[in-house]
Amino acid sequence: MADPRVRQIKIKTGVVKRQRYCRSPG
């Protein structure tokens, strides 16, 4: 699991998840 593509995808998904959480009313 040391592929640069997998790492980029993971980071992208993490950023999207974080943005969604921030936008959600908390």
C-alpha atoms as a PDB file:
ATOM      1  CA  MET A   1       0.000   0.000   0.000  1.00  0.00           C
ATOM      2  CA  ALA A   2       2.887   2.349  -0.806  1.00  0.00           C
ATOM      3  CA  ASP A   3       1.559   3.388  -4.217  1.00  0.00           C
ATOM      4  CA  PRO A   4       1.515   7.138  -4.900  1.00  0.00           C
ATOM      5  CA  ARG A   5      -1.841   6.816  -6.652  1.00  0.00           C
ATOM      6  CA  VAL A   6      -3.503   5.058  -3.735  1.00  0.00           C
ATOM      7  CA  ARG A   7      -2.058   7.672  -1.386  1.00  0.00           C
ATOM      8  CA  GLN A   8      -3.434  10.518  -3.535  1.00  0.00           C
ATOM      9  CA  ILE A   9      -6.851   8.875  -3.732  1.00  0.00           C
ATOM     10  CA  LYS A  10      -6.879   8.360   0.051  1.00  0.00           C
ATOM     11  CA  ILE A  11      -5.970  12.001   0.634  1.00  0.00           C
ATOM     12  CA  LYS A  12      -8.641  13.143  -1.848  1.00  0.00           C
ATOM     13  CA  THR A  13     -11.336  11.043  -0.169  1.00  0.00           C
ATOM     14  CA  GLY A  14     -10.202  12.288   3.235  1.00  0.00           C
ATOM     15  CA  VAL A  15     -10.408  15.916   2.110  1.00  0.00           C
ATOM     16  CA  VAL A  16     -13.870  15.390   0.613  1.00  0.00           C
ATOM     17  CA  LYS A  17     -15.078  13.677   3.797  1.00  0.00           C
ATOM     18  CA  ARG A  18     -13.678  16.486   5.951  1.00  0.00           C
ATOM     19  CA  GLN A  19     -15.295  19.164   3.777  1.00  0.00           C
ATOM     20  CA  ARG A  20     -18.659  17.382   3.966  1.00  0.00           C
ATOM     21  CA  TYR A  21     -18.371  17.124   7.745  1.00  0.00           C
ATOM     22  CA  CYS A  22     -17.448  20.815   8.046  1.00  0.00           C
ATOM     23  CA  ARG A  23     -20.408  21.796   5.855  1.00  0.00           C
ATOM     24  CA  SER A  24     -22.777  19.597   7.893  1.00  0.00           C
ATOM     25  CA  PRO A  25     -24.487  21.376  10.823  1.00  0.00           C
ATOM     26  CA  GLY A  26     -22.510  20.347  13.864  1.00  0.00           C
END
